[in-house]
Amino acid sequence: MPRILITGASRGLGRELARAFNGYQWTLFLLVRSSDAKEELLKEFPKASILISDVRSPEHELRVKGFLGDLSIDVVINNAGSGSKGSSLDSATTEQISSAFETNCLGVFSTVKGAHTALCKSNNALVVNISSRRGSMSMQASGAAQGSGCSYSYRIGKAAQNMLTLCLADDLEADGIRVAAIHPGRLLTKMAPKDAHMTPEKSAELISELIVNKKIENRDYLCMESGSLPW
């Protein structure tokens, strides 16, 4: 069966993605940040392989590489993400922006780098970075985020992640690895925007269908509501 690695798998969209791919009988490799989260996941997914690692850790890349060992991995979903308050120059801080950048961009970089050898062993490898409409430079330039209350840190972190997605798409294409970004929709989570309306379960269903049916191309920036987004 295909193998999938999902970061941020303990709750929200990550947990629902694990459920969706477990339903397809895929082999799960899940990343969480605590032993409590690992124990909770093992109750639901007793056959899953679970790694405790913070994507911001300097050791994260080597932990992922050791976790996967000599195996091949078919799909990596970089779901772990963060944001904070601070939607104006006065309320935003450098610490908030730095923390979001470390998680949303550097954490993705470390995860993909750690999984690179395993991805190269797959015949149809795919990296999916869970992005956001707020990472779109085109939408930001049009004023779409104005008055939304979305933080500087989240928008900057996701925009940086989008550039990383395109850098990886260029670099890994020769290895036969597709890299794409997905805006999962306006999700009803703890970090929900004002206009949230979609459940994480529904989003995971849509994302998993695209992946299982091989509907994602290199450099795609897809939206689970509108079909696609401008970079």
Protein backbone atom coordinates (compact mmCIF):
# COMPACT_ATOMS: atom_id res chain seq x y z
CA MET A 1 0.00 0.00 0.00
CA PRO A 2 1.12 3.62 -0.52
CA ARG A 3 2.90 5.33 2.36
CA ILE A 4 2.10 8.86 3.54
CA LEU A 5 3.82 11.18 5.99
CA ILE A 6 1.66 13.86 7.67
CA THR A 7 2.98 16.55 10.00
CA GLY A 8 0.79 18.18 12.62
CA ALA A 9 -1.32 15.03 12.77
CA SER A 10 -2.61 15.28 16.33
CA ARG A 11 -5.68 17.44 15.72
CA GLY A 12 -7.68 19.49 13.25
CA LEU A 13 -7.00 19.00 9.58
CA GLY A 14 -3.97 16.79 10.24
CA ARG A 15 -6.02 14.34 12.28
CA GLU A 16 -8.75 14.28 9.64
CA LEU A 17 -6.19 13.67 6.89
CA ALA A 18 -4.88 10.70 8.88
CA ARG A 19 -8.44 9.37 9.13
CA ALA A 20 -9.07 9.86 5.43
CA PHE A 21 -5.94 8.02 4.30
CA ASN A 22 -6.45 5.33 6.92
CA GLY A 23 -9.82 4.80 5.26
CA TYR A 24 -8.00 4.23 1.98
CA GLN A 25 -5.79 1.73 3.84
CA TRP A 26 -2.63 3.72 3.23
CA THR A 27 0.32 3.18 5.58
CA LEU A 28 0.52 6.12 7.99
CA PHE A 29 3.65 7.90 9.16
CA LEU A 30 2.53 10.65 11.51
CA LEU A 31 4.46 13.49 13.15
CA VAL A 32 3.42 15.07 16.45
CA ARG A 33 5.09 17.20 19.12
CA SER A 34 4.37 15.31 22.33
CA SER A 35 4.20 11.81 23.80
CA ASP A 36 0.61 12.47 24.89
CA ALA A 37 -0.36 13.22 21.30
CA LYS A 38 1.40 10.05 20.14
CA GLU A 39 -0.42 7.88 22.67
CA GLU A 40 -3.76 9.41 21.69
CA LEU A 41 -3.15 8.77 17.99
CA LEU A 42 -2.09 5.17 18.60
CA LYS A 43 -5.48 4.49 20.16
CA GLU A 44 -7.13 5.35 16.84
CA PHE A 45 -4.36 4.26 14.48
CA PRO A 46 -2.59 1.33 16.18
CA LYS A 47 -0.70 0.38 13.01
CA ALA A 48 0.65 3.88 12.39
CA SER A 49 4.31 4.79 12.80
CA ILE A 50 4.52 7.97 14.85
CA LEU A 51 7.46 10.32 15.36
CA ILE A 52 7.67 12.91 18.12
CA SER A 53 9.42 15.95 16.69
CA ASP A 54 8.98 19.72 16.55
CA VAL A 55 9.40 20.90 12.95
CA ARG A 56 11.26 23.96 14.31
CA SER A 57 13.92 21.85 15.99
CA PRO A 58 17.48 21.90 14.56
CA GLU A 59 17.40 18.08 14.77
CA HIS A 60 14.11 17.71 12.91
CA GLU A 61 15.60 16.93 9.50
CA LEU A 62 17.75 14.09 10.85
CA ARG A 63 14.86 12.75 12.93
CA VAL A 64 12.67 12.50 9.84
CA LYS A 65 15.45 10.84 7.87
CA GLY A 66 16.04 8.28 10.62
CA PHE A 67 12.30 7.76 11.08
CA LEU A 68 11.83 6.77 7.43
CA GLY A 69 15.08 4.81 7.24
CA ASP A 70 15.43 2.79 4.04
CA LEU A 71 11.73 2.99 3.20
CA SER A 72 10.14 4.77 0.28
CA ILE A 73 7.47 7.40 0.94
CA ASP A 74 4.88 8.30 -1.66
CA VAL A 75 3.30 11.44 -0.23
CA VAL A 76 4.39 14.05 2.30
CA ILE A 77 1.77 16.46 3.59
CA ASN A 78 3.25 19.41 5.46
CA ASN A 79 0.25 20.30 7.57
CA ALA A 80 1.92 21.65 10.73
CA GLY A 81 1.45 25.41 10.80
CA SER A 82 1.17 28.38 13.09
CA GLY A 83 -0.03 31.95 13.25
CA SER A 84 -0.70 34.47 15.96
CA LYS A 85 -2.42 37.72 16.73
CA GLY A 86 -1.03 40.96 15.43
CA SER A 87 -2.90 42.17 12.36
CA SER A 88 -1.43 45.68 12.34
CA LEU A 89 2.00 47.27 12.52
CA ASP A 90 1.33 48.36 16.09
CA SER A 91 0.20 44.95 17.33
CA ALA A 92 2.51 42.66 15.33
CA THR A 93 5.93 41.73 16.72
CA THR A 94 9.16 40.40 15.27
CA GLU A 95 8.87 37.40 17.59
CA GLN A 96 5.47 36.48 16.14
CA ILE A 97 6.73 36.73 12.58
CA SER A 98 9.92 34.78 13.34
CA SER A 99 7.98 31.96 15.02
CA ALA A 100 5.50 31.63 12.14
CA PHE A 101 8.33 31.67 9.60
CA GLU A 102 10.15 28.91 11.47
CA THR A 103 7.07 26.67 11.46
CA ASN A 104 5.44 27.47 8.12
CA CYS A 105 8.58 27.75 6.01
CA LEU A 106 11.69 26.34 7.70
CA GLY A 107 9.73 23.44 9.20
CA VAL A 108 8.50 22.47 5.74
CA PHE A 109 12.03 22.77 4.37
CA SER A 110 13.46 20.50 7.09
CA THR A 111 10.70 17.92 6.67
CA VAL A 112 11.11 17.68 2.89
CA LYS A 113 14.89 17.57 3.19
CA GLY A 114 14.65 14.76 5.73
CA ALA A 115 12.20 12.84 3.53
CA HIS A 116 13.98 13.51 0.22
CA THR A 117 15.77 10.16 -0.04
CA ALA A 118 12.57 8.27 0.77
CA LEU A 119 10.59 10.34 -1.77
CA CYS A 120 13.15 9.57 -4.48
CA LYS A 121 12.45 5.86 -3.98
CA SER A 122 8.78 6.30 -4.91
CA ASN A 123 7.57 5.96 -8.49
CA ASN A 124 5.00 8.73 -8.07
CA ALA A 125 6.12 11.00 -5.23
CA LEU A 126 4.18 14.07 -4.15
CA VAL A 127 4.78 16.82 -1.59
CA VAL A 128 1.73 18.83 -0.53
CA ASN A 129 2.19 21.96 1.54
CA ILE A 130 -0.94 23.08 3.36
CA SER A 131 -0.96 26.77 2.53
CA SER A 132 -3.63 29.45 2.72
CA ARG A 133 -5.35 32.01 0.52
CA ARG A 134 -3.53 34.53 2.71
CA GLY A 135 -0.21 33.34 1.31
CA SER A 136 -1.16 34.52 -2.17
CA MET A 137 0.85 37.62 -3.12
CA SER A 138 -1.62 38.35 -5.92
CA MET A 139 -4.59 38.35 -3.54
CA GLN A 140 -2.69 40.42 -0.98
CA ALA A 141 -1.81 42.99 -3.66
CA SER A 142 -5.48 43.22 -4.64
CA GLY A 143 -6.47 44.13 -1.08
CA ALA A 144 -8.27 40.85 -0.41
CA ALA A 145 -6.88 40.57 3.13
CA GLN A 146 -7.52 44.20 4.09
CA GLY A 147 -9.70 44.37 7.18
CA SER A 148 -9.68 40.57 7.56
CA GLY A 149 -7.91 40.64 10.91
CA CYS A 150 -5.38 38.08 9.62
CA SER A 151 -2.02 38.49 11.33
CA TYR A 152 1.18 39.72 9.75
CA SER A 153 2.90 36.54 10.95
CA TYR A 154 0.45 34.17 9.28
CA ARG A 155 0.40 36.01 5.96
CA ILE A 156 4.17 36.38 5.83
CA GLY A 157 4.79 32.78 6.95
CA LYS A 158 2.45 31.33 4.33
CA ALA A 159 3.77 33.58 1.56
CA ALA A 160 7.29 32.38 2.40
CA GLN A 161 6.03 28.80 2.33
CA ASN A 162 4.54 29.39 -1.12
CA MET A 163 7.89 30.58 -2.45
CA LEU A 164 9.51 27.51 -0.90
CA THR A 165 6.89 25.34 -2.65
CA LEU A 166 7.87 26.79 -6.03
CA CYS A 167 11.60 26.47 -5.27
CA LEU A 168 11.08 22.80 -4.38
CA ALA A 169 8.91 22.27 -7.46
CA ASP A 170 11.75 23.53 -9.65
CA ASP A 171 14.45 21.59 -7.83
CA LEU A 172 12.72 18.23 -7.33
CA GLU A 173 11.07 17.94 -10.74
CA ALA A 174 14.17 16.17 -12.07
CA ASP A 175 13.75 13.58 -9.29
CA GLY A 176 10.19 12.88 -10.41
CA ILE A 177 8.74 14.53 -7.30
CA ARG A 178 5.73 16.82 -7.68
CA VAL A 179 5.34 19.70 -5.23
CA ALA A 180 2.12 21.66 -4.76
CA ALA A 181 0.37 24.01 -2.35
CA ILE A 182 -3.21 23.60 -1.14
CA HIS A 183 -5.49 26.07 0.56
CA PRO A 184 -7.74 23.68 2.52
CA GLY A 185 -10.66 26.10 2.67
CA ARG A 186 -11.98 28.41 5.36
CA LEU A 187 -11.92 25.83 8.10
CA LEU A 188 -13.93 25.73 11.30
CA THR A 189 -10.97 25.33 13.66
CA LYS A 190 -9.56 27.17 16.67
CA MET A 191 -7.73 29.49 14.24
CA ALA A 192 -10.86 29.97 12.11
CA PRO A 193 -11.27 33.18 10.09
CA LYS A 194 -14.44 35.22 10.39
CA ASP A 195 -15.89 33.67 7.24
CA ALA A 196 -15.07 30.03 8.09
CA HIS A 197 -17.64 27.50 6.92
CA MET A 198 -15.92 24.20 6.02
CA THR A 199 -15.21 21.37 8.43
CA PRO A 200 -11.71 19.86 8.58
CA GLU A 201 -13.33 16.51 7.82
CA LYS A 202 -14.78 17.77 4.52
CA SER A 203 -11.50 19.42 3.54
CA ALA A 204 -9.55 16.24 4.28
CA GLU A 205 -12.00 14.27 2.16
CA LEU A 206 -11.47 16.60 -0.80
CA ILE A 207 -7.68 16.69 -0.43
CA SER A 208 -7.37 12.92 -0.07
CA GLU A 209 -9.53 12.33 -3.15
CA LEU A 210 -7.25 14.55 -5.23
CA ILE A 211 -4.15 12.75 -4.00
CA VAL A 212 -5.49 9.21 -4.32
CA ASN A 213 -6.78 9.91 -7.82
CA LYS A 214 -3.48 11.57 -8.82
CA LYS A 215 -5.12 14.87 -9.75
CA ILE A 216 -2.34 17.14 -8.43
CA GLU A 217 0.34 18.47 -10.77
CA ASN A 218 3.72 20.01 -10.08
CA ARG A 219 3.44 23.75 -9.14
CA ASP A 220 -0.32 23.59 -8.50
CA TYR A 221 -1.79 26.06 -6.00
CA LEU A 222 -5.19 24.54 -5.33
CA CYS A 223 -8.14 25.69 -3.28
CA MET A 224 -10.72 23.28 -1.86
CA GLU A 225 -13.42 25.87 -2.53
CA SER A 226 -12.62 27.54 -5.85
CA GLY A 227 -10.35 25.04 -7.60
CA SER A 228 -7.17 27.12 -7.82
CA LEU A 229 -5.49 30.29 -6.56
CA PRO A 230 -3.09 32.80 -8.08
CA TRP A 231 0.42 32.74 -6.63
